[in-house]
């Protein structure tokens, strides 16, 4: 399957399947994946995505992400959101996307927050890795970068002081 990545707002991207359905997104340091038929499918995919992202972060950034092996997995509601937690650490927010939000029918989704310094490119790569839990291996990813205006800086005026500064 191929994925198209399109700019969506100031700090966001949409990940589209070949039929232009939204299967993932990036909003700053938050990545999301949608298209699961039920909550258990979304939970299993979020756990697979967490493991794949942990391996990728370990190899790319030489940071170790704690393992989920042997940890208690639970769904926790904090009053506003449902979270998938491993031990006492929330790893993904579980959502249901309504049919009015670009989906043909209601579907389940998950979102993950990337920690630390994350560039746009790294966030997009993380989202593509996470989307693979839905689509399987992707044979191509087409990224359309947003057009950025180059704004020239105003001229700098240098002031020379010869006396004492207060």
Protein backbone atom coordinates (compact mmCIF):
# COMPACT_ATOMS: atom_id res chain seq x y z
CA UNK A 1 0.00 0.00 0.00
CA UNK A 2 1.18 3.52 -0.63
CA UNK A 3 0.57 6.46 1.67
CA UNK A 4 0.29 10.12 0.72
CA UNK A 5 1.24 12.72 3.31
CA UNK A 6 -0.36 16.13 2.80
CA UNK A 7 0.09 19.33 4.81
CA UNK A 8 -2.89 20.19 6.98
CA UNK A 9 -2.64 23.49 8.80
CA UNK A 10 0.30 25.17 10.47
CA UNK A 11 1.87 22.14 12.13
CA UNK A 12 -0.14 19.22 10.82
CA UNK A 13 -0.21 16.56 8.16
CA UNK A 14 -2.81 14.04 6.97
CA UNK A 15 -1.81 10.52 5.95
CA UNK A 16 -4.07 9.25 3.17
CA UNK A 17 -4.61 5.78 1.74
CA UNK A 18 -4.82 5.26 -2.05
CA UNK A 19 -8.57 6.08 -1.92
CA UNK A 20 -7.83 9.43 -0.19
CA UNK A 21 -9.24 8.20 3.12
CA UNK A 22 -7.56 9.68 6.21
CA UNK A 23 -5.77 6.84 8.00
CA UNK A 24 -3.37 8.91 10.07
CA UNK A 25 -2.34 12.40 11.10
CA UNK A 26 0.39 14.49 12.68
CA UNK A 27 -0.33 17.53 14.88
CA UNK A 28 2.92 18.86 16.27
CA UNK A 29 4.25 16.00 18.41
CA UNK A 30 0.98 14.02 18.36
CA UNK A 31 0.52 11.24 15.81
CA UNK A 32 -2.70 9.35 15.20
CA UNK A 33 -3.93 6.30 13.34
CA UNK A 34 -7.58 5.56 12.48
CA UNK A 35 -9.52 2.85 10.71
CA UNK A 36 -9.91 0.07 13.29
CA UNK A 37 -13.29 -1.69 13.50
CA UNK A 38 -13.37 -1.89 17.31
CA UNK A 39 -11.52 -0.86 20.46
CA UNK A 40 -9.65 -4.18 20.94
CA UNK A 41 -8.21 -3.86 17.40
CA UNK A 42 -7.11 -0.28 18.14
CA UNK A 43 -5.51 -1.41 21.43
CA UNK A 44 -3.56 -4.22 19.77
CA UNK A 45 -2.40 -1.86 17.01
CA UNK A 46 -1.37 0.80 19.54
CA UNK A 47 0.74 -1.76 21.42
CA UNK A 48 2.39 -2.91 18.15
CA UNK A 49 2.96 0.74 17.15
CA UNK A 50 4.49 1.52 20.56
CA UNK A 51 6.92 -1.41 20.23
CA UNK A 52 7.87 -0.48 16.65
CA UNK A 53 8.33 3.18 17.61
CA UNK A 54 10.41 2.20 20.64
CA UNK A 55 12.71 0.14 18.40
CA UNK A 56 12.94 2.99 15.88
CA UNK A 57 13.71 5.58 18.58
CA UNK A 58 16.33 3.24 20.04
CA UNK A 59 18.09 2.80 16.71
CA UNK A 60 17.75 6.37 15.40
CA UNK A 61 18.14 8.45 18.54
CA UNK A 62 19.98 6.03 20.83
CA UNK A 63 17.34 6.49 23.52
CA UNK A 64 15.92 3.53 25.34
CA UNK A 65 12.13 3.33 25.69
CA UNK A 66 11.02 1.00 28.51
CA UNK A 67 9.68 -2.37 27.37
CA UNK A 68 6.01 -3.28 27.64
CA UNK A 69 6.82 -6.96 28.25
CA UNK A 70 5.53 -8.25 31.57
CA UNK A 71 3.68 -5.00 32.32
CA UNK A 72 -0.03 -4.78 33.12
CA UNK A 73 -1.98 -3.32 30.21
CA UNK A 74 -5.15 -1.43 31.08
CA UNK A 75 -7.60 1.12 29.72
CA UNK A 76 -7.87 4.12 32.02
CA UNK A 77 -10.36 6.99 31.83
CA UNK A 78 -9.05 10.28 33.22
CA UNK A 79 -12.39 12.10 33.08
CA UNK A 80 -11.85 13.44 29.57
CA UNK A 81 -10.08 10.71 27.57
CA UNK A 82 -9.59 6.96 27.47
CA UNK A 83 -5.92 6.02 27.65
CA UNK A 84 -4.12 2.77 27.02
CA UNK A 85 -1.66 2.38 29.89
CA UNK A 86 1.24 -0.01 30.31
CA UNK A 87 1.94 -0.26 34.01
CA UNK A 88 1.21 3.27 35.19
CA UNK A 89 2.39 4.97 32.00
CA UNK A 90 -0.17 6.09 29.39
CA UNK A 91 1.09 5.23 25.91
CA UNK A 92 -1.89 6.03 23.66
CA UNK A 93 -5.16 7.90 23.75
CA UNK A 94 -8.08 5.84 22.43
CA UNK A 95 -10.75 7.63 20.40
CA UNK A 96 -13.73 6.91 18.21
CA UNK A 97 -13.82 8.97 15.05
CA UNK A 98 -17.35 9.93 14.02
CA UNK A 99 -18.49 9.41 10.44
CA UNK A 100 -18.60 13.18 9.97
CA UNK A 101 -14.83 13.43 10.50
CA UNK A 102 -13.85 12.25 6.99
CA UNK A 103 -14.61 8.60 7.72
CA UNK A 104 -17.25 6.66 5.80
CA UNK A 105 -18.39 5.02 9.02
CA UNK A 106 -17.46 5.44 12.68
CA UNK A 107 -14.10 3.87 13.43
CA UNK A 108 -11.66 3.54 16.28
CA UNK A 109 -8.34 5.32 16.46
CA UNK A 110 -5.40 5.95 18.74
CA UNK A 111 -3.05 8.89 19.27
CA UNK A 112 0.45 8.93 20.70
CA UNK A 113 2.51 11.83 21.99
CA UNK A 114 6.16 11.86 20.90
CA UNK A 115 8.46 13.04 23.67
CA UNK A 116 11.61 15.11 23.45
CA UNK A 117 12.73 17.15 20.47
CA UNK A 118 10.83 16.03 17.41
CA UNK A 119 11.31 17.51 13.95
CA UNK A 120 8.55 17.56 11.36
CA UNK A 121 10.30 14.82 9.43
CA UNK A 122 10.68 12.62 12.52
CA UNK A 123 7.01 13.09 13.43
CA UNK A 124 5.94 12.13 9.90
CA UNK A 125 8.22 9.06 9.97
CA UNK A 126 6.80 8.04 13.35
CA UNK A 127 3.25 8.42 11.99
CA UNK A 128 4.10 6.27 8.96
CA UNK A 129 5.54 3.59 11.27
CA UNK A 130 2.37 3.71 13.38
CA UNK A 131 0.11 3.58 10.29
CA UNK A 132 1.84 0.35 9.27
CA UNK A 133 -0.03 -1.32 12.16
CA UNK A 134 -3.19 -0.72 10.08
CA UNK A 135 -1.90 -1.14 6.54
CA UNK A 136 0.99 -3.59 6.86
CA UNK A 137 4.28 -2.69 5.23
CA UNK A 138 4.04 0.35 2.97
CA UNK A 139 5.62 0.12 -0.44
CA UNK A 140 5.84 3.88 -0.88
CA UNK A 141 5.27 7.13 0.94
CA UNK A 142 4.69 10.33 -1.00
CA UNK A 143 5.20 13.47 1.07
CA UNK A 144 3.93 16.83 -0.12
CA UNK A 145 5.68 19.52 1.90
CA UNK A 146 3.83 22.78 2.56
CA UNK A 147 4.88 25.85 0.63
CA UNK A 148 6.76 28.08 3.00
CA UNK A 149 7.18 31.77 2.34
CA UNK A 150 10.70 33.02 2.70
CA UNK A 151 10.50 36.25 4.57
CA UNK A 152 13.62 38.34 4.43
CA UNK A 153 14.81 39.84 7.66
CA UNK A 154 14.64 43.58 8.06
CA UNK A 155 17.99 45.32 7.84
CA UNK A 156 19.91 45.35 11.09
CA UNK A 157 20.93 48.73 12.48
CA UNK A 158 24.02 48.64 14.63
CA UNK A 159 24.36 51.23 17.34
CA UNK A 160 27.80 52.04 18.64
CA UNK A 161 28.03 53.23 22.21
CA UNK A 162 31.14 54.97 23.38
CA UNK A 163 30.09 55.82 26.91
CA UNK A 164 29.27 53.64 29.90
CA UNK A 165 26.18 51.44 29.67
CA UNK A 166 23.67 51.68 32.50
